[in-house]
Amino acid sequence: MAQTHIKRNTSGYPDALMCEAEGLVALADGLKSAGVSAVQVPQVYRVDETALEMTAIRGSRGSDQAWEALGEGLAGLHRQVQKAFGWNRDNYIGLAPQPNRWCDNWGEFFVKDRLGYQVSRVRDAGQRSRFKQLLTRHGDALMDWLNSVCDHPSQLHGDLWNGNVLFDDRGPWLIDPAVYCGDREADIAMTEMFGGFDAVFYRAYDRQYPRTTQYAIKRDVYNLYHYLNHYNLFGGGYLSGCQNGFATIEAIATGRC
């Protein structure tokens, strides 16, 4: 057996590592089904409530070739049409629960099960009320707009920031997924948080599966989910990102973008 890494459960949720293991297997299966061999996922050897044993990765700096492989591979994964939006069980995104269900309506799923859920977790009552009012006022218009700009459900990594991509001499690895099926550009949007990915990645992705003309607007909407999650977990440093996201939603609803 290859050298392994053991991750301990420090989340406070007894099923967190089992959900992570299921996500890794699902992501590996999705890449295989898409014919993608250049992007790797750690193999799960053992998992229970306390520990997850998986492939150890000796991290190194990503080369242009590796970033290109990641862009092309992710495009291949996203191109595969899935049966519906959502997932077959609740899981986690980082340190937070992520509710799931199967839904044929992307706008409804994202507004209710992503934004609405995170708004419900806001501890500050005044801020929670303001966010809830905005979502109630503009939610229907946002649902309609999201449905109009999403082609099909794609399998997503779900938490695709640069800390969840590693490289070694075999190429790129994806770790710590929060898998579900949604608009592919939700994955790409998150890559632009916290410094972004190498430009080679975006060029390679766009060659294989070009982003839509609405991507820049969608990016602000989809990253609102992550800003809300980080605001709930880590506090006020992420409030401005939340406010910017809601401003974009208001602009969509009022026809200003």
Protein backbone atom coordinates (compact mmCIF):
# COMPACT_ATOMS: atom_id res chain seq x y z
CA MET A 1 0.00 0.00 0.00
CA ALA A 2 1.20 3.54 -0.77
CA GLN A 3 2.29 5.84 2.02
CA THR A 4 -0.81 7.09 3.83
CA HIS A 5 -1.93 10.18 5.69
CA ILE A 6 -4.31 10.03 8.65
CA LYS A 7 -6.67 12.95 9.16
CA ARG A 8 -8.27 13.27 12.59
CA ASN A 9 -11.80 14.51 13.17
CA THR A 10 -11.63 17.87 14.92
CA SER A 11 -14.88 19.22 13.44
CA GLY A 12 -17.29 18.40 16.24
CA TYR A 13 -19.50 16.44 13.81
CA PRO A 14 -19.20 12.65 14.16
CA ASP A 15 -19.93 11.92 10.49
CA ALA A 16 -17.70 14.64 9.00
CA LEU A 17 -14.87 12.36 7.90
CA MET A 18 -17.27 9.77 6.50
CA CYS A 19 -18.88 12.48 4.39
CA GLU A 20 -15.44 13.61 3.25
CA ALA A 21 -14.52 10.04 2.31
CA GLU A 22 -17.73 9.64 0.33
CA GLY A 23 -16.98 12.92 -1.43
CA LEU A 24 -13.48 11.78 -2.36
CA VAL A 25 -14.82 8.53 -3.81
CA ALA A 26 -17.56 10.37 -5.71
CA LEU A 27 -15.07 12.87 -7.12
CA ALA A 28 -12.70 10.09 -8.19
CA ASP A 29 -15.58 8.22 -9.84
CA GLY A 30 -16.71 11.38 -11.63
CA LEU A 31 -13.25 12.06 -13.02
CA LYS A 32 -12.92 8.46 -14.16
CA SER A 33 -16.33 8.56 -15.84
CA ALA A 34 -15.27 11.75 -17.64
CA GLY A 35 -12.09 10.05 -18.88
CA VAL A 36 -9.86 12.35 -16.82
CA SER A 37 -6.69 10.64 -15.62
CA ALA A 38 -4.37 13.63 -15.10
CA VAL A 39 -6.26 14.92 -12.03
CA GLN A 40 -5.98 12.68 -8.99
CA VAL A 41 -7.94 12.23 -5.77
CA PRO A 42 -6.58 10.55 -2.62
CA GLN A 43 -7.66 6.94 -2.25
CA VAL A 44 -9.61 6.20 0.92
CA TYR A 45 -8.23 3.23 2.85
CA ARG A 46 -10.12 3.48 6.12
CA VAL A 47 -12.59 5.85 7.72
CA ASP A 48 -14.63 6.05 10.90
CA GLU A 49 -15.87 8.82 13.20
CA THR A 50 -12.39 9.63 14.45
CA ALA A 51 -9.96 9.18 11.55
CA LEU A 52 -9.67 9.08 7.76
CA GLU A 53 -6.71 7.19 6.27
CA MET A 54 -5.95 8.12 2.68
CA THR A 55 -3.15 8.57 0.17
CA ALA A 56 -0.33 10.82 1.38
CA ILE A 57 0.66 13.60 -1.03
CA ARG A 58 4.16 15.04 -1.03
CA GLY A 59 3.26 18.57 -2.02
CA SER A 60 5.29 20.67 -4.43
CA ARG A 61 4.84 23.83 -6.46
CA GLY A 62 2.46 23.42 -9.39
CA SER A 63 4.07 23.67 -12.82
CA ASP A 64 2.37 25.26 -15.83
CA GLN A 65 1.75 21.76 -17.13
CA ALA A 66 0.09 20.72 -13.88
CA TRP A 67 -2.16 23.80 -13.79
CA GLU A 68 -3.10 23.13 -17.42
CA ALA A 69 -3.98 19.53 -16.57
CA LEU A 70 -6.16 20.75 -13.72
CA GLY A 71 -8.03 23.20 -15.94
CA GLU A 72 -8.60 20.64 -18.68
CA GLY A 73 -9.55 17.93 -16.19
CA LEU A 74 -12.05 20.07 -14.33
CA ALA A 75 -13.64 21.08 -17.63
CA GLY A 76 -14.01 17.40 -18.47
CA LEU A 77 -15.68 16.70 -15.13
CA HIS A 78 -18.04 19.67 -15.51
CA ARG A 79 -19.04 18.72 -19.04
CA GLN A 80 -20.70 15.52 -17.82
CA VAL A 81 -24.47 16.11 -17.42
CA GLN A 82 -25.79 14.95 -14.04
CA LYS A 83 -29.35 13.85 -13.25
CA ALA A 84 -30.35 16.79 -11.02
CA PHE A 85 -29.06 19.53 -8.75
CA GLY A 86 -28.02 18.79 -5.17
CA TRP A 87 -26.78 15.56 -3.63
CA ASN A 88 -28.12 12.41 -2.01
CA ARG A 89 -27.12 13.33 1.55
CA ASP A 90 -26.15 16.27 3.68
CA ASN A 91 -22.42 16.86 4.01
CA TYR A 92 -20.04 19.60 5.11
CA ILE A 93 -18.18 22.54 3.64
CA GLY A 94 -15.13 23.11 5.77
CA LEU A 95 -16.36 23.35 9.36
CA ALA A 96 -20.01 23.97 8.48
CA PRO A 97 -22.92 21.67 7.63
CA GLN A 98 -24.08 21.73 4.02
CA PRO A 99 -27.69 20.59 3.50
CA ASN A 100 -28.54 18.72 0.33
CA ARG A 101 -31.45 17.18 -1.53
CA TRP A 102 -32.22 16.40 -5.15
CA CYS A 103 -33.90 19.25 -7.01
CA ASP A 104 -34.72 19.92 -10.67
CA ASN A 105 -34.63 23.68 -10.14
CA TRP A 106 -31.12 25.15 -9.79
CA GLY A 107 -32.30 28.61 -8.79
CA GLU A 108 -34.49 27.23 -6.04
CA PHE A 109 -31.77 24.94 -4.73
CA PHE A 110 -29.11 27.64 -4.62
CA VAL A 111 -31.33 30.33 -3.11
CA LYS A 112 -32.94 28.10 -0.47
CA ASP A 113 -30.39 25.39 0.29
CA ARG A 114 -27.24 27.47 -0.09
CA LEU A 115 -27.92 31.16 0.56
CA GLY A 116 -31.03 30.72 2.72
CA TYR A 117 -29.38 28.15 4.94
CA GLN A 118 -26.31 30.30 5.53
CA VAL A 119 -28.45 33.36 6.26
CA SER A 120 -30.33 31.33 8.88
CA ARG A 121 -27.00 30.68 10.65
CA VAL A 122 -26.03 34.36 11.01
CA ARG A 123 -25.72 35.00 14.75
CA ASP A 124 -26.21 38.77 14.70
CA ALA A 125 -30.00 39.17 14.75
CA GLY A 126 -30.01 42.54 12.99
CA GLN A 127 -27.70 41.41 10.21
CA ARG A 128 -29.60 38.15 9.83
CA SER A 129 -32.86 40.08 9.48
CA ARG A 130 -31.38 42.39 6.82
CA PHE A 131 -30.00 39.51 4.80
CA LYS A 132 -33.27 37.57 5.10
CA GLN A 133 -35.28 40.57 3.90
CA LEU A 134 -33.03 40.99 0.87
CA LEU A 135 -33.28 37.32 0.02
CA THR A 136 -37.05 37.34 0.44
CA ARG A 137 -37.44 40.48 -1.68
CA HIS A 138 -35.18 39.37 -4.53
CA GLY A 139 -35.19 35.59 -4.22
CA ASP A 140 -37.74 34.83 -6.94
CA ALA A 141 -36.00 37.08 -9.46
CA LEU A 142 -32.65 35.52 -8.57
CA MET A 143 -34.05 32.00 -9.01
CA ASP A 144 -35.36 32.87 -12.46
CA TRP A 145 -32.07 34.45 -13.48
CA LEU A 146 -29.97 31.55 -12.24
CA ASN A 147 -32.16 29.07 -14.11
CA SER A 148 -31.75 31.12 -17.28
CA VAL A 149 -27.94 31.08 -17.15
CA CYS A 150 -27.27 27.47 -16.07
CA ASP A 151 -27.07 24.88 -18.85
CA HIS A 152 -27.13 21.68 -16.82
CA PRO A 153 -26.15 20.14 -13.48
CA SER A 154 -22.44 19.32 -13.19
CA GLN A 155 -20.63 17.45 -10.45
CA LEU A 156 -18.80 20.04 -8.37
CA HIS A 157 -15.87 19.82 -6.01
CA GLY A 158 -17.81 22.36 -3.97
CA ASP A 159 -14.97 23.93 -1.98
CA LEU A 160 -12.47 24.67 -4.72
CA TRP A 161 -10.11 27.26 -3.26
CA ASN A 162 -6.35 27.06 -3.68
CA GLY A 163 -5.85 25.32 -0.32
CA ASN A 164 -7.74 22.31 -1.62
CA VAL A 165 -5.47 21.75 -4.63
CA LEU A 166 -2.10 20.07 -4.14
CA PHE A 167 0.62 19.11 -6.60
CA ASP A 168 3.33 16.48 -6.70
CA ASP A 169 5.51 15.01 -9.43
CA ARG A 170 2.46 13.19 -10.83
CA GLY A 171 0.41 16.37 -11.27
CA PRO A 172 -2.61 17.96 -9.52
CA TRP A 173 -4.62 16.49 -6.66
CA LEU A 174 -8.03 17.55 -5.38
CA ILE A 175 -8.67 17.24 -1.64
CA ASP A 176 -11.36 18.16 0.94
CA PRO A 177 -14.38 18.22 -1.38
CA ALA A 178 -17.88 19.39 -0.46
CA VAL A 179 -19.46 17.61 -3.42
CA TYR A 180 -22.84 18.30 -4.93
CA CYS A 181 -24.26 18.91 -8.40
CA GLY A 182 -24.79 22.48 -9.54
CA ASP A 183 -23.81 25.15 -12.04
CA ARG A 184 -20.23 24.42 -13.07
CA GLU A 185 -19.31 28.08 -12.73
CA ALA A 186 -19.92 27.91 -8.98
CA ASP A 187 -16.70 25.86 -8.80
CA ILE A 188 -14.81 28.29 -11.01
CA ALA A 189 -16.10 31.25 -9.03
CA MET A 190 -14.62 29.94 -5.80
CA THR A 191 -11.21 29.49 -7.41
CA GLU A 192 -11.04 33.29 -7.56
CA MET A 193 -11.38 33.72 -3.81
CA PHE A 194 -8.27 33.92 -1.62
CA GLY A 195 -5.80 34.82 -4.37
CA GLY A 196 -7.10 32.82 -7.31
CA PHE A 197 -5.53 30.07 -9.38
CA ASP A 198 -2.71 30.39 -11.89
CA ALA A 199 -3.75 32.05 -15.17
CA VAL A 200 -2.74 28.88 -17.01
CA PHE A 201 -5.62 27.08 -15.27
CA TYR A 202 -8.27 29.49 -16.59
CA ARG A 203 -6.91 29.45 -20.12
CA ALA A 204 -6.90 25.66 -20.16
CA TYR A 205 -10.42 25.45 -18.74
CA ASP A 206 -11.79 27.96 -21.23
CA ARG A 207 -10.21 26.15 -24.18
CA GLN A 208 -12.07 22.99 -23.20
CA TYR A 209 -15.32 24.50 -21.85
CA PRO A 210 -15.53 28.29 -22.16
CA ARG A 211 -17.14 30.21 -19.33
CA THR A 212 -20.42 31.94 -20.14
CA THR A 213 -20.77 35.65 -20.84
CA GLN A 214 -22.59 36.01 -17.50
CA TYR A 215 -19.72 34.50 -15.51
CA ALA A 216 -18.53 37.73 -13.86
CA ILE A 217 -22.00 38.35 -12.40
CA LYS A 218 -22.49 34.72 -11.45
CA ARG A 219 -19.13 34.76 -9.66
CA ASP A 220 -20.35 37.39 -7.19
CA VAL A 221 -23.61 35.51 -6.57
CA TYR A 222 -22.01 32.10 -6.11
CA ASN A 223 -19.22 33.40 -3.89
CA LEU A 224 -21.82 34.99 -1.61
CA TYR A 225 -22.44 31.46 -0.33
CA HIS A 226 -18.81 31.16 0.69
CA TYR A 227 -18.61 34.68 2.12
CA LEU A 228 -21.67 33.96 4.25
CA ASN A 229 -20.13 30.68 5.40
CA HIS A 230 -16.86 32.39 6.32
CA TYR A 231 -18.73 35.24 8.01
CA ASN A 232 -20.60 32.69 10.12
CA LEU A 233 -17.44 30.76 10.97
CA PHE A 234 -14.84 33.50 11.34
CA GLY A 235 -16.61 36.83 11.80
CA GLY A 236 -16.81 40.35 10.50
CA GLY A 237 -13.82 40.33 8.17
CA TYR A 238 -16.07 38.66 5.60
CA LEU A 239 -19.07 40.98 6.02
CA SER A 240 -18.12 43.26 3.12
CA GLY A 241 -17.99 40.25 0.79
CA CYS A 242 -21.51 39.34 1.89
CA GLN A 243 -22.73 42.88 1.30
CA ASN A 244 -21.16 42.97 -2.17
CA GLY A 245 -22.88 39.71 -3.05
CA PHE A 246 -26.29 40.98 -1.96
CA ALA A 247 -25.69 44.19 -3.92
CA THR A 248 -25.16 42.07 -7.05
CA ILE A 249 -28.38 40.17 -6.36
CA GLU A 250 -30.25 43.46 -6.02
CA ALA A 251 -28.76 44.63 -9.32
CA ILE A 252 -29.92 41.42 -11.03
CA ALA A 253 -33.43 41.75 -9.60
CA THR A 254 -33.76 45.38 -10.65
CA GLY A 255 -32.38 44.85 -14.13
CA ARG A 256 -29.14 46.77 -13.61
CA CYS A 257 -26.98 43.83 -14.69
